[in-house]
Amino acid sequence: MQNQELASRGTRLGAALIDGIIGIIAFIPVMSFTGVWEQIAAGETLSFSTAMTLSIAGIIIFLLLHGYFLAQNGQTIGKKVLDIKIVDLHGNKPEFVSLIARRYLPLWVISQIPFVGGLFGLIDTLFIFREDRRCIHDHIAGTKVVENTSISLSKSEF
């Protein structure tokens, strides 16, 4: 399975944008329920506990949205739509717990650090321009994103 074609940078960006839009839409009720919209509109700074609650809610929403597809095929919704997937360096689907713990958890933790989180996110993204097209989170997790050459789910299962 070593000969899998790497997903293009544009396709990975498209998948991330799809996932981001879906995540924002899914998160709107949380923002409304917690009163965060009002705090933001009033120019208030969010308390640490509110920020942590929002972060945990974001992780839960991410797992609810993408968990099944990540566990089944190494795909988020955006990756599924654009027919790419996450594999380990041998071309196999990573184990779900390892994928979450090594690929996503470090990003979630680092993103909570003021300034550092945003800077890390930028640097992580820019790593896609390297020859191996692997972001920092791919290196941490021992993964890469490839074209999905074997379609295992029919459109009706999506």
N, C-alpha and C. Protein backbone atom coordinates (compact mmCIF):
# COMPACT_ATOMS: atom_id res chain seq x y z
N MET A 1 0.81 -1.21 0.00
CA MET A 1 0.00 0.00 0.00
C MET A 1 0.85 1.27 0.00
N GLN A 2 2.13 1.15 -0.13
CA GLN A 2 3.03 2.30 -0.11
C GLN A 2 2.80 3.25 -1.28
N ASN A 3 2.23 2.79 -2.39
CA ASN A 3 2.13 3.58 -3.60
C ASN A 3 0.87 4.44 -3.69
N GLN A 4 0.23 4.70 -2.59
CA GLN A 4 -0.96 5.53 -2.61
C GLN A 4 -0.58 6.96 -2.96
N GLU A 5 -1.39 7.58 -3.79
CA GLU A 5 -1.12 8.94 -4.21
C GLU A 5 -1.51 9.92 -3.11
N LEU A 6 -0.59 10.82 -2.77
CA LEU A 6 -0.89 11.83 -1.76
C LEU A 6 -2.03 12.73 -2.24
N ALA A 7 -2.88 13.11 -1.31
CA ALA A 7 -3.95 14.05 -1.64
C ALA A 7 -3.31 15.40 -1.98
N SER A 8 -3.91 16.10 -2.91
CA SER A 8 -3.37 17.41 -3.29
C SER A 8 -3.58 18.42 -2.16
N ARG A 9 -2.78 19.44 -2.17
CA ARG A 9 -2.92 20.50 -1.17
C ARG A 9 -4.30 21.16 -1.27
N GLY A 10 -4.75 21.38 -2.50
CA GLY A 10 -6.05 22.00 -2.71
C GLY A 10 -7.20 21.14 -2.21
N THR A 11 -7.09 19.84 -2.41
CA THR A 11 -8.14 18.94 -1.93
C THR A 11 -8.16 18.91 -0.41
N ARG A 12 -6.98 18.89 0.20
CA ARG A 12 -6.92 18.92 1.67
C ARG A 12 -7.51 20.23 2.20
N LEU A 13 -7.20 21.34 1.53
CA LEU A 13 -7.76 22.63 1.94
C LEU A 13 -9.28 22.60 1.80
N GLY A 14 -9.77 22.08 0.69
CA GLY A 14 -11.21 22.00 0.47
C GLY A 14 -11.89 21.18 1.56
N ALA A 15 -11.30 20.05 1.91
CA ALA A 15 -11.87 19.20 2.96
C ALA A 15 -11.88 19.92 4.30
N ALA A 16 -10.80 20.65 4.59
CA ALA A 16 -10.75 21.41 5.84
C ALA A 16 -11.80 22.51 5.87
N LEU A 17 -12.02 23.16 4.73
CA LEU A 17 -13.05 24.20 4.66
C LEU A 17 -14.45 23.62 4.85
N ILE A 18 -14.72 22.49 4.22
CA ILE A 18 -16.01 21.82 4.39
C ILE A 18 -16.22 21.46 5.86
N ASP A 19 -15.19 20.85 6.47
CA ASP A 19 -15.30 20.48 7.88
C ASP A 19 -15.48 21.72 8.77
N GLY A 20 -14.78 22.78 8.43
CA GLY A 20 -14.89 24.02 9.21
C GLY A 20 -16.28 24.61 9.14
N ILE A 21 -16.85 24.66 7.95
CA ILE A 21 -18.20 25.22 7.78
C ILE A 21 -19.22 24.37 8.53
N ILE A 22 -19.11 23.06 8.40
CA ILE A 22 -20.02 22.16 9.12
C ILE A 22 -19.87 22.36 10.63
N GLY A 23 -18.63 22.47 11.09
CA GLY A 23 -18.38 22.66 12.51
C GLY A 23 -18.95 23.96 13.03
N ILE A 24 -18.80 25.03 12.27
CA ILE A 24 -19.35 26.33 12.69
C ILE A 24 -20.87 26.26 12.79
N ILE A 25 -21.49 25.68 11.78
CA ILE A 25 -22.95 25.56 11.80
C ILE A 25 -23.41 24.74 13.01
N ALA A 26 -22.71 23.63 13.27
CA ALA A 26 -23.08 22.78 14.40
C ALA A 26 -22.83 23.46 15.74
N PHE A 27 -21.89 24.40 15.77
CA PHE A 27 -21.52 25.05 17.03
C PHE A 27 -22.41 26.26 17.37
N ILE A 28 -23.13 26.77 16.41
CA ILE A 28 -23.98 27.95 16.64
C ILE A 28 -24.95 27.74 17.81
N PRO A 29 -25.63 26.60 17.92
CA PRO A 29 -26.52 26.42 19.07
C PRO A 29 -25.78 26.48 20.42
N VAL A 30 -24.56 25.97 20.48
CA VAL A 30 -23.78 26.03 21.72
C VAL A 30 -23.49 27.49 22.08
N MET A 31 -23.12 28.26 21.09
CA MET A 31 -22.84 29.69 21.32
C MET A 31 -24.09 30.41 21.82
N SER A 32 -25.23 30.07 21.27
CA SER A 32 -26.48 30.70 21.68
C SER A 32 -26.87 30.26 23.08
N PHE A 33 -26.81 28.96 23.33
CA PHE A 33 -27.21 28.40 24.63
C PHE A 33 -26.37 28.93 25.78
N THR A 34 -25.07 29.11 25.55
CA THR A 34 -24.17 29.55 26.62
C THR A 34 -24.15 31.07 26.80
N GLY A 35 -24.81 31.81 25.93
CA GLY A 35 -24.81 33.26 26.04
C GLY A 35 -23.54 33.92 25.54
N VAL A 36 -22.73 33.17 24.83
CA VAL A 36 -21.45 33.71 24.33
C VAL A 36 -21.68 34.81 23.30
N TRP A 37 -22.72 34.69 22.47
CA TRP A 37 -23.01 35.74 21.48
C TRP A 37 -23.17 37.08 22.17
N GLU A 38 -23.92 37.08 23.26
CA GLU A 38 -24.17 38.34 23.99
C GLU A 38 -22.87 38.89 24.57
N GLN A 39 -22.04 38.01 25.13
CA GLN A 39 -20.76 38.45 25.69
C GLN A 39 -19.88 39.07 24.61
N ILE A 40 -19.81 38.43 23.47
CA ILE A 40 -18.99 38.94 22.38
C ILE A 40 -19.53 40.28 21.90
N ALA A 41 -20.85 40.35 21.73
CA ALA A 41 -21.47 41.60 21.26
C ALA A 41 -21.23 42.74 22.24
N ALA A 42 -21.15 42.41 23.52
CA ALA A 42 -20.91 43.44 24.54
C ALA A 42 -19.42 43.75 24.70
N GLY A 43 -18.58 43.05 23.95
CA GLY A 43 -17.14 43.29 24.03
C GLY A 43 -16.50 42.71 25.27
N GLU A 44 -17.17 41.77 25.91
CA GLU A 44 -16.64 41.15 27.13
C GLU A 44 -15.63 40.05 26.79
N THR A 45 -14.69 39.87 27.69
CA THR A 45 -13.73 38.78 27.56
C THR A 45 -14.36 37.54 28.18
N LEU A 46 -14.22 36.42 27.50
CA LEU A 46 -14.78 35.18 28.02
C LEU A 46 -13.97 34.71 29.22
N SER A 47 -14.66 34.20 30.22
CA SER A 47 -13.97 33.65 31.38
C SER A 47 -13.24 32.37 30.99
N PHE A 48 -12.29 31.98 31.79
CA PHE A 48 -11.54 30.74 31.53
C PHE A 48 -12.49 29.55 31.50
N SER A 49 -13.42 29.50 32.45
CA SER A 49 -14.34 28.36 32.51
C SER A 49 -15.24 28.32 31.27
N THR A 50 -15.68 29.48 30.80
CA THR A 50 -16.50 29.52 29.59
C THR A 50 -15.68 29.06 28.39
N ALA A 51 -14.45 29.53 28.30
CA ALA A 51 -13.58 29.12 27.19
C ALA A 51 -13.33 27.62 27.21
N MET A 52 -13.11 27.06 28.39
CA MET A 52 -12.88 25.61 28.49
C MET A 52 -14.15 24.83 28.16
N THR A 53 -15.29 25.33 28.61
CA THR A 53 -16.56 24.68 28.29
C THR A 53 -16.78 24.66 26.78
N LEU A 54 -16.51 25.78 26.13
CA LEU A 54 -16.65 25.86 24.68
C LEU A 54 -15.68 24.90 23.98
N SER A 55 -14.47 24.81 24.49
CA SER A 55 -13.48 23.90 23.90
C SER A 55 -13.93 22.45 24.01
N ILE A 56 -14.40 22.08 25.17
CA ILE A 56 -14.87 20.70 25.37
C ILE A 56 -16.09 20.43 24.50
N ALA A 57 -16.99 21.40 24.41
CA ALA A 57 -18.16 21.25 23.54
C ALA A 57 -17.71 21.09 22.09
N GLY A 58 -16.70 21.84 21.69
CA GLY A 58 -16.18 21.73 20.33
C GLY A 58 -15.61 20.35 20.03
N ILE A 59 -14.91 19.79 20.99
CA ILE A 59 -14.35 18.44 20.82
C ILE A 59 -15.48 17.41 20.70
N ILE A 60 -16.48 17.55 21.56
CA ILE A 60 -17.62 16.62 21.52
C ILE A 60 -18.34 16.73 20.17
N ILE A 61 -18.57 17.95 19.73
CA ILE A 61 -19.25 18.14 18.43
C ILE A 61 -18.41 17.56 17.30
N PHE A 62 -17.10 17.79 17.32
CA PHE A 62 -16.21 17.22 16.31
C PHE A 62 -16.35 15.69 16.27
N LEU A 63 -16.30 15.07 17.45
CA LEU A 63 -16.40 13.61 17.50
C LEU A 63 -17.77 13.11 17.06
N LEU A 64 -18.83 13.84 17.41
CA LEU A 64 -20.17 13.45 16.97
C LEU A 64 -20.30 13.56 15.45
N LEU A 65 -19.73 14.61 14.89
CA LEU A 65 -19.82 14.81 13.44
C LEU A 65 -18.94 13.84 12.66
N HIS A 66 -17.71 13.67 13.10
CA HIS A 66 -16.72 12.98 12.29
C HIS A 66 -16.28 11.62 12.83
N GLY A 67 -16.63 11.32 14.07
CA GLY A 67 -16.14 10.10 14.71
C GLY A 67 -16.41 8.82 13.95
N TYR A 68 -17.64 8.66 13.48
CA TYR A 68 -17.99 7.44 12.76
C TYR A 68 -17.12 7.26 11.52
N PHE A 69 -17.02 8.30 10.71
CA PHE A 69 -16.25 8.21 9.47
C PHE A 69 -14.76 8.05 9.74
N LEU A 70 -14.25 8.70 10.79
CA LEU A 70 -12.84 8.52 11.15
C LEU A 70 -12.59 7.07 11.57
N ALA A 71 -13.50 6.52 12.35
CA ALA A 71 -13.34 5.14 12.82
C ALA A 71 -13.47 4.14 11.67
N GLN A 72 -14.38 4.39 10.76
CA GLN A 72 -14.63 3.45 9.67
C GLN A 72 -13.61 3.54 8.55
N ASN A 73 -13.25 4.76 8.15
CA ASN A 73 -12.46 4.94 6.93
C ASN A 73 -11.30 5.92 7.06
N GLY A 74 -11.07 6.47 8.24
CA GLY A 74 -10.02 7.48 8.37
C GLY A 74 -10.38 8.77 7.64
N GLN A 75 -11.66 9.12 7.66
CA GLN A 75 -12.12 10.31 6.95
C GLN A 75 -12.98 11.19 7.86
N THR A 76 -12.87 12.49 7.65
CA THR A 76 -13.86 13.41 8.18
C THR A 76 -14.92 13.56 7.09
N ILE A 77 -15.97 14.31 7.37
CA ILE A 77 -17.00 14.51 6.35
C ILE A 77 -16.40 15.17 5.11
N GLY A 78 -15.58 16.21 5.32
CA GLY A 78 -14.95 16.89 4.19
C GLY A 78 -14.05 15.97 3.39
N LYS A 79 -13.29 15.13 4.06
CA LYS A 79 -12.43 14.18 3.36
C LYS A 79 -13.27 13.17 2.59
N LYS A 80 -14.39 12.75 3.18
CA LYS A 80 -15.28 11.81 2.50
C LYS A 80 -15.86 12.45 1.24
N VAL A 81 -16.33 13.68 1.35
CA VAL A 81 -16.91 14.38 0.20
C VAL A 81 -15.89 14.51 -0.93
N LEU A 82 -14.64 14.79 -0.57
CA LEU A 82 -13.61 15.00 -1.59
C LEU A 82 -12.77 13.75 -1.87
N ASP A 83 -13.19 12.62 -1.31
CA ASP A 83 -12.62 11.31 -1.61
C ASP A 83 -11.13 11.20 -1.29
N ILE A 84 -10.77 11.65 -0.09
CA ILE A 84 -9.42 11.46 0.42
C ILE A 84 -9.55 10.84 1.80
N LYS A 85 -8.45 10.31 2.33
CA LYS A 85 -8.52 9.67 3.64
C LYS A 85 -7.17 9.75 4.34
N ILE A 86 -7.23 9.55 5.65
CA ILE A 86 -6.04 9.52 6.49
C ILE A 86 -5.59 8.07 6.59
N VAL A 87 -4.30 7.85 6.38
CA VAL A 87 -3.73 6.51 6.55
C VAL A 87 -2.44 6.64 7.36
N ASP A 88 -1.98 5.50 7.90
CA ASP A 88 -0.68 5.53 8.56
C ASP A 88 0.41 5.48 7.48
N LEU A 89 1.63 5.48 7.88
CA LEU A 89 2.73 5.55 6.92
C LEU A 89 2.88 4.27 6.09
N HIS A 90 2.16 3.22 6.49
CA HIS A 90 2.16 1.97 5.72
C HIS A 90 0.94 1.87 4.81
N GLY A 91 0.09 2.89 4.84
CA GLY A 91 -1.08 2.91 3.99
C GLY A 91 -2.32 2.30 4.60
N ASN A 92 -2.26 1.97 5.88
CA ASN A 92 -3.40 1.36 6.56
C ASN A 92 -4.22 2.39 7.31
N LYS A 93 -5.49 2.09 7.54
CA LYS A 93 -6.35 2.97 8.32
C LYS A 93 -5.85 2.97 9.76
N PRO A 94 -5.58 4.15 10.32
CA PRO A 94 -5.12 4.21 11.71
C PRO A 94 -6.22 3.79 12.68
N GLU A 95 -5.82 3.25 13.81
CA GLU A 95 -6.79 2.93 14.86
C GLU A 95 -7.42 4.23 15.35
N PHE A 96 -8.71 4.19 15.61
CA PHE A 96 -9.48 5.38 15.97
C PHE A 96 -8.91 6.11 17.19
N VAL A 97 -8.69 5.39 18.28
CA VAL A 97 -8.21 6.03 19.51
C VAL A 97 -6.85 6.66 19.29
N SER A 98 -5.97 5.96 18.61
CA SER A 98 -4.65 6.50 18.31
C SER A 98 -4.76 7.74 17.42
N LEU A 99 -5.64 7.69 16.44
CA LEU A 99 -5.85 8.82 15.53
C LEU A 99 -6.29 10.06 16.31
N ILE A 100 -7.25 9.90 17.19
CA ILE A 100 -7.75 11.03 17.98
C ILE A 100 -6.66 11.52 18.94
N ALA A 101 -6.03 10.58 19.65
CA ALA A 101 -5.04 10.94 20.67
C ALA A 101 -3.78 11.57 20.09
N ARG A 102 -3.38 11.13 18.91
CA ARG A 102 -2.11 11.61 18.35
C ARG A 102 -2.27 12.68 17.28
N ARG A 103 -3.36 12.65 16.52
CA ARG A 103 -3.52 13.61 15.42
C ARG A 103 -4.32 14.83 15.85
N TYR A 104 -5.36 14.64 16.64
CA TYR A 104 -6.25 15.75 16.98
C TYR A 104 -6.02 16.32 18.37
N LEU A 105 -5.83 15.48 19.39
CA LEU A 105 -5.68 15.96 20.76
C LEU A 105 -4.55 16.97 20.94
N PRO A 106 -3.36 16.72 20.38
CA PRO A 106 -2.30 17.74 20.54
C PRO A 106 -2.70 19.11 19.98
N LEU A 107 -3.41 19.12 18.85
CA LEU A 107 -3.85 20.39 18.27
C LEU A 107 -4.86 21.08 19.17
N TRP A 108 -5.79 20.30 19.72
CA TRP A 108 -6.79 20.88 20.61
C TRP A 108 -6.14 21.48 21.84
N VAL A 109 -5.15 20.80 22.40
CA VAL A 109 -4.48 21.30 23.61
C VAL A 109 -3.67 22.56 23.28
N ILE A 110 -2.86 22.49 22.26
CA ILE A 110 -2.00 23.63 21.90
C ILE A 110 -2.83 24.85 21.50
N SER A 111 -3.97 24.63 20.87
CA SER A 111 -4.79 25.76 20.43
C SER A 111 -5.34 26.57 21.60
N GLN A 112 -5.32 26.03 22.80
CA GLN A 112 -5.83 26.74 23.98
C GLN A 112 -4.80 27.72 24.57
N ILE A 113 -3.57 27.63 24.12
CA ILE A 113 -2.52 28.51 24.65
C ILE A 113 -2.56 29.83 23.88
N PRO A 114 -2.80 30.93 24.58
CA PRO A 114 -2.87 32.23 23.88
C PRO A 114 -1.60 32.48 23.05
N PHE A 115 -1.78 33.06 21.89
CA PHE A 115 -0.76 33.38 20.90
C PHE A 115 -0.07 32.14 20.35
N VAL A 116 0.45 31.28 21.22
CA VAL A 116 1.16 30.08 20.78
C VAL A 116 0.24 29.19 19.95
N GLY A 117 -1.02 29.05 20.39
CA GLY A 117 -1.97 28.20 19.68
C GLY A 117 -2.19 28.66 18.25
N GLY A 118 -2.39 29.95 18.07
CA GLY A 118 -2.59 30.49 16.73
C GLY A 118 -1.35 30.38 15.87
N LEU A 119 -0.19 30.65 16.46
CA LEU A 119 1.07 30.54 15.73
C LEU A 119 1.33 29.09 15.33
N PHE A 120 1.10 28.17 16.26
CA PHE A 120 1.28 26.75 15.94
C PHE A 120 0.35 26.33 14.81
N GLY A 121 -0.90 26.78 14.87
CA GLY A 121 -1.86 26.45 13.81
C GLY A 121 -1.38 26.90 12.45
N LEU A 122 -0.81 28.10 12.39
CA LEU A 122 -0.29 28.62 11.13
C LEU A 122 0.90 27.79 10.64
N ILE A 123 1.84 27.52 11.52
CA ILE A 123 3.02 26.75 11.15
C ILE A 123 2.62 25.33 10.73
N ASP A 124 1.69 24.74 11.49
CA ASP A 124 1.19 23.40 11.15
C ASP A 124 0.63 23.38 9.73
N THR A 125 -0.17 24.37 9.40
CA THR A 125 -0.76 24.46 8.07
C THR A 125 0.30 24.65 6.99
N LEU A 126 1.29 25.48 7.26
CA LEU A 126 2.32 25.76 6.25
C LEU A 126 3.18 24.54 5.93
N PHE A 127 3.23 23.57 6.83
CA PHE A 127 4.00 22.35 6.57
C PHE A 127 3.47 21.60 5.34
N ILE A 128 2.25 21.88 4.92
CA ILE A 128 1.68 21.20 3.75
C ILE A 128 2.47 21.51 2.49
N PHE A 129 3.24 22.59 2.50
CA PHE A 129 4.01 22.98 1.33
C PHE A 129 5.34 22.24 1.22
N ARG A 130 5.62 21.36 2.16
CA ARG A 130 6.80 20.53 2.05
C ARG A 130 6.54 19.43 1.01
N GLU A 131 7.57 18.79 0.56
CA GLU A 131 7.44 17.77 -0.47
C GLU A 131 6.52 16.62 -0.05
N ASP A 132 6.57 16.22 1.22
CA ASP A 132 5.75 15.08 1.66
C ASP A 132 4.30 15.47 2.00
N ARG A 133 3.98 16.77 1.90
CA ARG A 133 2.63 17.29 2.12
C ARG A 133 2.05 16.91 3.48
N ARG A 134 2.91 16.65 4.45
CA ARG A 134 2.45 16.27 5.78
C ARG A 134 2.58 17.45 6.72
N CYS A 135 1.47 17.78 7.37
CA CYS A 135 1.48 18.85 8.37
C CYS A 135 2.12 18.32 9.65
N ILE A 136 2.37 19.23 10.60
CA ILE A 136 2.97 18.79 11.87
C ILE A 136 2.10 17.73 12.53
N HIS A 137 0.77 17.93 12.49
CA HIS A 137 -0.11 16.93 13.12
C HIS A 137 0.01 15.56 12.44
N ASP A 138 0.33 15.53 11.16
CA ASP A 138 0.57 14.26 10.48
C ASP A 138 1.85 13.61 11.00
N HIS A 139 2.88 14.43 11.22
CA HIS A 139 4.15 13.90 11.73
C HIS A 139 3.97 13.37 13.15
N ILE A 140 3.24 14.10 13.98
CA ILE A 140 3.00 13.65 15.36
C ILE A 140 2.27 12.31 15.35
N ALA A 141 1.27 12.18 14.49
CA ALA A 141 0.43 10.98 14.47
C ALA A 141 0.98 9.85 13.60
N GLY A 142 2.00 10.14 12.81
CA GLY A 142 2.51 9.12 11.89
C GLY A 142 1.51 8.81 10.79
N THR A 143 0.88 9.87 10.26
CA THR A 143 -0.14 9.71 9.23
C THR A 143 0.19 10.53 8.00
N LYS A 144 -0.58 10.25 6.95
CA LYS A 144 -0.54 11.06 5.74
C LYS A 144 -1.96 11.02 5.16
N VAL A 145 -2.25 11.95 4.27
CA VAL A 145 -3.57 12.00 3.64
C VAL A 145 -3.40 11.66 2.17
N VAL A 146 -4.17 10.67 1.74
CA VAL A 146 -4.03 10.14 0.39
C VAL A 146 -5.37 10.15 -0.34
N GLU A 147 -5.28 9.97 -1.66
CA GLU A 147 -6.49 9.79 -2.46
C GLU A 147 -7.13 8.48 -2.05
N ASN A 148 -8.44 8.45 -1.99
CA ASN A 148 -9.15 7.23 -1.63
C ASN A 148 -9.34 6.38 -2.87
N THR A 149 -8.52 5.35 -3.01
CA THR A 149 -8.57 4.52 -4.22
C THR A 149 -9.56 3.38 -4.10
N SER A 150 -9.99 3.07 -2.89
CA SER A 150 -10.99 2.01 -2.73
C SER A 150 -12.19 2.57 -2.00
N ILE A 151 -13.28 2.69 -2.70
CA ILE A 151 -14.48 3.25 -2.11
C ILE A 151 -15.22 2.11 -1.41
N SER A 152 -15.27 2.19 -0.07
CA SER A 152 -15.86 1.10 0.69
C SER A 152 -17.29 1.38 1.11
N LEU A 153 -17.72 2.61 1.08
CA LEU A 153 -19.09 2.94 1.46
C LEU A 153 -19.85 3.44 0.24
N SER A 154 -21.05 3.04 0.12
CA SER A 154 -21.87 3.57 -0.97
C SER A 154 -22.38 4.94 -0.58
N LYS A 155 -22.82 5.69 -1.55
CA LYS A 155 -23.35 7.04 -1.28
C LYS A 155 -24.50 6.99 -0.30
N SER A 156 -25.31 5.92 -0.31
CA SER A 156 -26.47 5.85 0.59
C SER A 156 -26.03 5.72 2.05
N GLU A 157 -24.81 5.24 2.32
CA GLU A 157 -24.34 5.12 3.70
C GLU A 157 -23.79 6.44 4.21
N PHE A 158 -23.57 7.39 3.36
CA PHE A 158 -23.03 8.68 3.77
C PHE A 158 -24.16 9.51 4.31
